[in-house]
Amino acid sequence: MKLVVTAGPTREPIDPVRFLSNRSSGKMGYAIASAAIEANHEVVLISGPVNLAPPAGAKLVNVITADEMHAAVHEAVHDCDVLVMCAAVSDYKPAHVAEQKIKKRDEKFSLELIPARDILKSLPPSRNFFAVGFAAETNDVEEHARAKLATKNCDMMVANDLSDPDIGMESDENAVTIFSRGGESETISRTSKKIIARELVKIICRNAKKVLTKKF
């Protein structure tokens, strides 16, 4: 199968030297890309700025902003079987980007933010690939993950609980719960992201084959 995997954060510029971003390290997305290659799948890895070496065999597409990732994803899904949206895409971006560095002043400074592109929501509802979203939550994990599964029109949502500071973002370990459209859920307990990635690839590809077979 051909998988498109997104990983890492995006950066939304404020001025030439500052940006809005998040704590995503890209480790989970890179582990999924690596596990998919190990399982003999073809992989396109669309990556935000990270300090990781891409897995050998992956076609790497580097992006910085949410707009750039949006464009890269829409280009890549024209020819794929599975999209795994593991990247932590910025929810908001500055309404205006200053052409010069904003100077420090002894007064309050307000930054107007507008919504960044919602890549999952922008995907066509009728498609020939299996779409997997990720939900990083700090509370009411299942409720938020199931809501995202429905509103973002995904086939599967992988949720992780960020309330535990020792796993998830920036960590080498994670624990996830997988929610499917039919209401089923499956949990992978805390372990290394590499092991979780291997299990996720098996689960995702198994379910993708069922869904894609029904469409043809």
C-alpha atoms as a PDB file:
ATOM      1  CA  MET A   1       0.000   0.000   0.000  1.00  0.00           C
ATOM      2  CA  LYS A   2       1.031   3.617  -0.442  1.00  0.00           C
ATOM      3  CA  LEU A   3       0.910   5.714   2.740  1.00  0.00           C
ATOM      4  CA  VAL A   4       1.172   9.473   3.089  1.00  0.00           C
ATOM      5  CA  VAL A   5       2.315  10.315   6.634  1.00  0.00           C
ATOM      6  CA  THR A   6       2.505  13.827   8.078  1.00  0.00           C
ATOM      7  CA  ALA A   7       4.750  14.554  11.052  1.00  0.00           C
ATOM      8  CA  GLY A   8       6.092  17.290  13.288  1.00  0.00           C
ATOM      9  CA  PRO A   9       4.828  20.818  13.980  1.00  0.00           C
ATOM     10  CA  THR A  10       4.149  23.710  11.666  1.00  0.00           C
ATOM     11  CA  ARG A  11       5.524  27.199  12.198  1.00  0.00           C
ATOM     12  CA  GLU A  12       3.378  30.267  11.559  1.00  0.00           C
ATOM     13  CA  PRO A  13       5.530  33.420  11.120  1.00  0.00           C
ATOM     14  CA  ILE A  14       4.961  36.551  13.171  1.00  0.00           C
ATOM     15  CA  ASP A  15       7.890  38.478  11.715  1.00  0.00           C
ATOM     16  CA  PRO A  16      11.199  37.446  10.064  1.00  0.00           C
ATOM     17  CA  VAL A  17      12.578  35.987  13.332  1.00  0.00           C
ATOM     18  CA  ARG A  18       9.535  34.862  15.361  1.00  0.00           C
ATOM     19  CA  PHE A  19       6.845  32.267  14.854  1.00  0.00           C
ATOM     20  CA  LEU A  20       3.996  30.405  16.552  1.00  0.00           C
ATOM     21  CA  SER A  21       4.475  26.666  16.950  1.00  0.00           C
ATOM     22  CA  ASN A  22       4.023  23.772  19.385  1.00  0.00           C
ATOM     23  CA  ARG A  23       5.984  21.071  21.204  1.00  0.00           C
ATOM     24  CA  SER A  24       5.621  18.324  18.613  1.00  0.00           C
ATOM     25  CA  SER A  25       8.943  16.531  18.017  1.00  0.00           C
ATOM     26  CA  GLY A  26       7.768  14.507  15.019  1.00  0.00           C
ATOM     27  CA  LYS A  27       8.878  11.253  16.666  1.00  0.00           C
ATOM     28  CA  MET A  28       5.492   9.522  16.372  1.00  0.00           C
ATOM     29  CA  GLY A  29       5.023  10.387  12.710  1.00  0.00           C
ATOM     30  CA  TYR A  30       8.582   9.388  11.824  1.00  0.00           C
ATOM     31  CA  ALA A  31       8.136   6.098  13.726  1.00  0.00           C
ATOM     32  CA  ILE A  32       4.953   5.380  11.739  1.00  0.00           C
ATOM     33  CA  ALA A  33       6.734   6.126   8.458  1.00  0.00           C
ATOM     34  CA  SER A  34       9.601   3.839   9.466  1.00  0.00           C
ATOM     35  CA  ALA A  35       7.243   1.037  10.553  1.00  0.00           C
ATOM     36  CA  ALA A  36       5.338   1.277   7.258  1.00  0.00           C
ATOM     37  CA  ILE A  37       8.580   0.946   5.285  1.00  0.00           C
ATOM     38  CA  GLU A  38       9.579  -2.063   7.423  1.00  0.00           C
ATOM     39  CA  ALA A  39       6.237  -3.619   6.462  1.00  0.00           C
ATOM     40  CA  ASN A  40       7.097  -3.099   2.755  1.00  0.00           C
ATOM     41  CA  HIS A  41       4.692  -0.216   2.161  1.00  0.00           C
ATOM     42  CA  GLU A  42       5.528   2.822   0.027  1.00  0.00           C
ATOM     43  CA  VAL A  43       5.760   6.007   2.105  1.00  0.00           C
ATOM     44  CA  VAL A  44       5.598   9.723   1.409  1.00  0.00           C
ATOM     45  CA  LEU A  45       6.612  11.596   4.585  1.00  0.00           C
ATOM     46  CA  ILE A  46       5.424  15.220   4.753  1.00  0.00           C
ATOM     47  CA  SER A  47       7.361  16.783   7.605  1.00  0.00           C
ATOM     48  CA  GLY A  48       7.322  20.057   9.456  1.00  0.00           C
ATOM     49  CA  PRO A  49      10.620  21.325  10.954  1.00  0.00           C
ATOM     50  CA  VAL A  50      12.110  18.609  13.209  1.00  0.00           C
ATOM     51  CA  ASN A  51      15.524  17.400  14.341  1.00  0.00           C
ATOM     52  CA  LEU A  52      15.136  13.849  13.056  1.00  0.00           C
ATOM     53  CA  ALA A  53      16.706  11.875  10.234  1.00  0.00           C
ATOM     54  CA  PRO A  54      14.032  10.625   7.820  1.00  0.00           C
ATOM     55  CA  PRO A  55      13.697   6.851   7.527  1.00  0.00           C
ATOM     56  CA  ALA A  56      15.569   5.336   4.600  1.00  0.00           C
ATOM     57  CA  GLY A  57      13.222   4.624   1.734  1.00  0.00           C
ATOM     58  CA  ALA A  58      10.703   7.383   2.473  1.00  0.00           C
ATOM     59  CA  LYS A  59      10.032  10.145  -0.023  1.00  0.00           C
ATOM     60  CA  LEU A  60      10.508  13.251   2.125  1.00  0.00           C
ATOM     61  CA  VAL A  61       8.568  16.470   1.547  1.00  0.00           C
ATOM     62  CA  ASN A  62       9.675  19.308   3.841  1.00  0.00           C
ATOM     63  CA  VAL A  63       7.186  22.025   4.770  1.00  0.00           C
ATOM     64  CA  ILE A  64       7.062  24.809   7.349  1.00  0.00           C
ATOM     65  CA  THR A  65       3.615  26.400   7.545  1.00  0.00           C
ATOM     66  CA  ALA A  66       0.099  24.967   7.716  1.00  0.00           C
ATOM     67  CA  ASP A  67      -0.556  26.355   4.233  1.00  0.00           C
ATOM     68  CA  GLU A  68       2.472  24.522   2.875  1.00  0.00           C
ATOM     69  CA  MET A  69       1.407  21.272   4.552  1.00  0.00           C
ATOM     70  CA  HIS A  70      -2.132  21.721   3.196  1.00  0.00           C
ATOM     71  CA  ALA A  71      -0.780  22.029  -0.344  1.00  0.00           C
ATOM     72  CA  ALA A  72       1.604  19.076   0.054  1.00  0.00           C
ATOM     73  CA  VAL A  73      -1.113  16.797   1.453  1.00  0.00           C
ATOM     74  CA  HIS A  74      -3.605  17.652  -1.281  1.00  0.00           C
ATOM     75  CA  GLU A  75      -0.925  16.942  -3.882  1.00  0.00           C
ATOM     76  CA  ALA A  76       0.122  13.620  -2.304  1.00  0.00           C
ATOM     77  CA  VAL A  77      -3.361  12.145  -1.765  1.00  0.00           C
ATOM     78  CA  HIS A  78      -4.056  12.116  -5.503  1.00  0.00           C
ATOM     79  CA  ASP A  79      -2.169   8.831  -5.537  1.00  0.00           C
ATOM     80  CA  CYS A  80      -2.282   7.075  -2.159  1.00  0.00           C
ATOM     81  CA  ASP A  81      -4.172   4.394  -0.260  1.00  0.00           C
ATOM     82  CA  VAL A  82      -3.813   5.781   3.260  1.00  0.00           C
ATOM     83  CA  LEU A  83      -3.318   9.254   4.754  1.00  0.00           C
ATOM     84  CA  VAL A  84      -1.989   9.343   8.324  1.00  0.00           C
ATOM     85  CA  MET A  85      -2.270  12.911   9.661  1.00  0.00           C
ATOM     86  CA  CYS A  86       0.087  12.664  12.625  1.00  0.00           C
ATOM     87  CA  ALA A  87       1.441  16.223  12.308  1.00  0.00           C
ATOM     88  CA  ALA A  88       0.565  18.822  14.938  1.00  0.00           C
ATOM     89  CA  VAL A  89      -0.663  21.486  12.545  1.00  0.00           C
ATOM     90  CA  SER A  90      -1.112  24.942  14.073  1.00  0.00           C
ATOM     91  CA  ASP A  91      -4.725  25.813  14.859  1.00  0.00           C
ATOM     92  CA  TYR A  92      -4.106  29.538  14.486  1.00  0.00           C
ATOM     93  CA  LYS A  93      -1.740  31.858  12.644  1.00  0.00           C
ATOM     94  CA  PRO A  94      -1.096  35.620  12.790  1.00  0.00           C
ATOM     95  CA  ALA A  95      -3.527  37.654  10.708  1.00  0.00           C
ATOM     96  CA  HIS A  96      -0.606  39.778   9.497  1.00  0.00           C
ATOM     97  CA  VAL A  97       3.104  38.991   9.212  1.00  0.00           C
ATOM     98  CA  ALA A  98       5.438  41.923   9.875  1.00  0.00           C
ATOM     99  CA  GLU A  99       8.015  42.518   7.143  1.00  0.00           C
ATOM    100  CA  GLN A 100      10.588  43.709   9.684  1.00  0.00           C
ATOM    101  CA  LYS A 101      11.436  42.443  13.169  1.00  0.00           C
ATOM    102  CA  ILE A 102       8.933  43.783  15.707  1.00  0.00           C
ATOM    103  CA  LYS A 103      10.856  45.850  18.238  1.00  0.00           C
ATOM    104  CA  LYS A 104      10.439  45.429  21.976  1.00  0.00           C
ATOM    105  CA  ARG A 105       8.484  48.233  23.637  1.00  0.00           C
ATOM    106  CA  ASP A 106       7.498  49.063  27.206  1.00  0.00           C
ATOM    107  CA  GLU A 107       3.810  48.548  26.531  1.00  0.00           C
ATOM    108  CA  LYS A 108       1.328  45.773  25.884  1.00  0.00           C
ATOM    109  CA  PHE A 109       1.416  44.089  22.518  1.00  0.00           C
ATOM    110  CA  SER A 110      -1.553  42.264  20.976  1.00  0.00           C
ATOM    111  CA  LEU A 111      -1.311  39.711  18.205  1.00  0.00           C
ATOM    112  CA  GLU A 112      -4.410  39.077  16.103  1.00  0.00           C
ATOM    113  CA  LEU A 113      -4.803  35.395  15.245  1.00  0.00           C
ATOM    114  CA  ILE A 114      -6.952  33.748  12.602  1.00  0.00           C
ATOM    115  CA  PRO A 115      -7.702  30.046  12.068  1.00  0.00           C
ATOM    116  CA  ALA A 116      -5.069  28.127  10.106  1.00  0.00           C
ATOM    117  CA  ARG A 117      -6.165  25.662   7.440  1.00  0.00           C
ATOM    118  CA  ASP A 118      -7.881  22.543   8.782  1.00  0.00           C
ATOM    119  CA  ILE A 119      -6.318  19.963   6.480  1.00  0.00           C
ATOM    120  CA  LEU A 120      -8.441  16.978   7.496  1.00  0.00           C
ATOM    121  CA  LYS A 121     -11.663  18.958   7.165  1.00  0.00           C
ATOM    122  CA  SER A 122     -10.602  20.171   3.730  1.00  0.00           C
ATOM    123  CA  LEU A 123     -10.362  16.649   2.300  1.00  0.00           C
ATOM    124  CA  PRO A 124     -13.139  15.625  -0.092  1.00  0.00           C
ATOM    125  CA  PRO A 125     -15.892  13.597   1.638  1.00  0.00           C
ATOM    126  CA  SER A 126     -15.902  11.144  -1.256  1.00  0.00           C
ATOM    127  CA  ARG A 127     -12.385   9.777  -1.731  1.00  0.00           C
ATOM    128  CA  ASN A 128     -10.407   6.695  -2.648  1.00  0.00           C
ATOM    129  CA  PHE A 129      -8.073   6.646   0.344  1.00  0.00           C
ATOM    130  CA  PHE A 130      -8.352   5.825   4.057  1.00  0.00           C
ATOM    131  CA  ALA A 131      -7.935   8.897   6.306  1.00  0.00           C
ATOM    132  CA  VAL A 132      -6.487   8.660   9.821  1.00  0.00           C
ATOM    133  CA  GLY A 133      -6.460  11.653  12.167  1.00  0.00           C
ATOM    134  CA  PHE A 134      -4.661  12.207  15.473  1.00  0.00           C
ATOM    135  CA  ALA A 135      -6.174  13.865  18.554  1.00  0.00           C
ATOM    136  CA  ALA A 136      -3.770  15.093  21.227  1.00  0.00           C
ATOM    137  CA  GLU A 137      -5.958  16.002  24.195  1.00  0.00           C
ATOM    138  CA  THR A 138      -5.463  17.160  27.782  1.00  0.00           C
ATOM    139  CA  ASN A 139      -8.976  16.283  29.026  1.00  0.00           C
ATOM    140  CA  ASP A 140     -12.088  14.305  28.029  1.00  0.00           C
ATOM    141  CA  VAL A 141      -9.947  12.398  25.547  1.00  0.00           C
ATOM    142  CA  GLU A 142     -12.552   9.953  24.249  1.00  0.00           C
ATOM    143  CA  GLU A 143     -15.268  12.597  23.916  1.00  0.00           C
ATOM    144  CA  HIS A 144     -13.032  14.959  21.954  1.00  0.00           C
ATOM    145  CA  ALA A 145     -11.549  12.187  19.813  1.00  0.00           C
ATOM    146  CA  ARG A 146     -14.946  10.806  18.810  1.00  0.00           C
ATOM    147  CA  ALA A 147     -16.172  14.322  18.024  1.00  0.00           C
ATOM    148  CA  LYS A 148     -13.130  14.925  15.794  1.00  0.00           C
ATOM    149  CA  LEU A 149     -13.688  11.576  14.092  1.00  0.00           C
ATOM    150  CA  ALA A 150     -17.155  12.742  13.063  1.00  0.00           C
ATOM    151  CA  THR A 151     -16.580  16.422  12.303  1.00  0.00           C
ATOM    152  CA  LYS A 152     -13.351  15.910  10.365  1.00  0.00           C
ATOM    153  CA  ASN A 153     -14.803  13.053   8.311  1.00  0.00           C
ATOM    154  CA  CYS A 154     -12.009  10.599   9.169  1.00  0.00           C
ATOM    155  CA  ASP A 155     -12.106   6.825   8.906  1.00  0.00           C
ATOM    156  CA  MET A 156     -10.102   6.466  12.119  1.00  0.00           C
ATOM    157  CA  MET A 157      -8.913   8.718  14.949  1.00  0.00           C
ATOM    158  CA  VAL A 158      -5.865   7.973  17.109  1.00  0.00           C
ATOM    159  CA  ALA A 159      -6.018   9.740  20.476  1.00  0.00           C
ATOM    160  CA  ASN A 160      -3.349  10.295  23.081  1.00  0.00           C
ATOM    161  CA  ASP A 161      -3.669  11.873  26.524  1.00  0.00           C
ATOM    162  CA  LEU A 162      -1.313  14.812  27.048  1.00  0.00           C
ATOM    163  CA  SER A 163      -2.194  15.160  30.725  1.00  0.00           C
ATOM    164  CA  ASP A 164       0.676  12.763  31.503  1.00  0.00           C
ATOM    165  CA  PRO A 165       3.862  14.822  30.958  1.00  0.00           C
ATOM    166  CA  ASP A 166       6.035  11.704  30.644  1.00  0.00           C
ATOM    167  CA  ILE A 167       4.495  10.481  27.379  1.00  0.00           C
ATOM    168  CA  GLY A 168       3.331  11.970  24.101  1.00  0.00           C
ATOM    169  CA  MET A 169       4.937  15.159  22.811  1.00  0.00           C
ATOM    170  CA  GLU A 170       8.770  15.201  22.947  1.00  0.00           C
ATOM    171  CA  SER A 171       8.842  11.771  24.622  1.00  0.00           C
ATOM    172  CA  ASP A 172      10.061   8.448  23.188  1.00  0.00           C
ATOM    173  CA  GLU A 173       6.980   6.746  24.658  1.00  0.00           C
ATOM    174  CA  ASN A 174       3.274   7.048  24.078  1.00  0.00           C
ATOM    175  CA  ALA A 175      -0.077   5.387  24.787  1.00  0.00           C
ATOM    176  CA  VAL A 176      -2.956   5.668  22.339  1.00  0.00           C
ATOM    177  CA  THR A 177      -6.584   4.722  21.842  1.00  0.00           C
ATOM    178  CA  ILE A 178      -7.864   4.114  18.317  1.00  0.00           C
ATOM    179  CA  PHE A 179     -11.463   5.012  17.466  1.00  0.00           C
ATOM    180  CA  SER A 180     -13.173   3.763  14.308  1.00  0.00           C
ATOM    181  CA  ARG A 181     -16.287   4.960  12.494  1.00  0.00           C
ATOM    182  CA  GLY A 182     -18.279   1.911  13.527  1.00  0.00           C
ATOM    183  CA  GLY A 183     -17.894   2.836  17.206  1.00  0.00           C
ATOM    184  CA  GLU A 184     -15.117   0.337  17.958  1.00  0.00           C
ATOM    185  CA  SER A 185     -12.076   1.336  20.006  1.00  0.00           C
ATOM    186  CA  GLU A 186      -8.738  -0.285  20.712  1.00  0.00           C
ATOM    187  CA  THR A 187      -6.055   0.775  23.193  1.00  0.00           C
ATOM    188  CA  ILE A 188      -2.301   0.372  22.928  1.00  0.00           C
ATOM    189  CA  SER A 189      -0.832   0.734  26.418  1.00  0.00           C
ATOM    190  CA  ARG A 190       2.242   2.794  27.236  1.00  0.00           C
ATOM    191  CA  THR A 191       5.310   1.637  25.376  1.00  0.00           C
ATOM    192  CA  SER A 192       7.891   3.019  22.950  1.00  0.00           C
ATOM    193  CA  LYS A 193       6.667   4.985  19.955  1.00  0.00           C
ATOM    194  CA  LYS A 194       8.433   2.484  17.679  1.00  0.00           C
ATOM    195  CA  ILE A 195       6.337  -0.405  19.045  1.00  0.00           C
ATOM    196  CA  ILE A 196       3.151   1.670  18.935  1.00  0.00           C
ATOM    197  CA  ALA A 197       3.942   2.638  15.336  1.00  0.00           C
ATOM    198  CA  ARG A 198       4.276  -0.998  14.266  1.00  0.00           C
ATOM    199  CA  GLU A 199       0.927  -1.862  15.838  1.00  0.00           C
ATOM    200  CA  LEU A 200      -0.728   1.216  14.348  1.00  0.00           C
ATOM    201  CA  VAL A 201       0.489   0.372  10.852  1.00  0.00           C
ATOM    202  CA  LYS A 202      -0.962  -3.137  11.164  1.00  0.00           C
ATOM    203  CA  ILE A 203      -4.311  -1.848  12.455  1.00  0.00           C
ATOM    204  CA  ILE A 204      -4.543   1.009   9.960  1.00  0.00           C
ATOM    205  CA  CYS A 205      -3.669  -1.104   6.914  1.00  0.00           C
ATOM    206  CA  ARG A 206      -5.976  -3.938   7.961  1.00  0.00           C
ATOM    207  CA  ASN A 207      -8.918  -1.551   8.294  1.00  0.00           C
ATOM    208  CA  ALA A 208      -7.976   0.384   5.169  1.00  0.00           C
ATOM    209  CA  LYS A 209      -8.086  -2.769   3.070  1.00  0.00           C
ATOM    210  CA  LYS A 210     -11.611  -3.522   4.312  1.00  0.00           C
ATOM    211  CA  VAL A 211     -12.883  -0.011   3.588  1.00  0.00           C
ATOM    212  CA  LEU A 212     -11.149   0.368   0.217  1.00  0.00           C
ATOM    213  CA  THR A 213     -12.321  -3.086  -0.944  1.00  0.00           C
ATOM    214  CA  LYS A 214     -15.930  -2.034  -0.324  1.00  0.00           C
ATOM    215  CA  LYS A 215     -15.469   1.056  -2.498  1.00  0.00           C
ATOM    216  CA  PHE A 216     -14.406  -0.891  -5.581  1.00  0.00           C
END
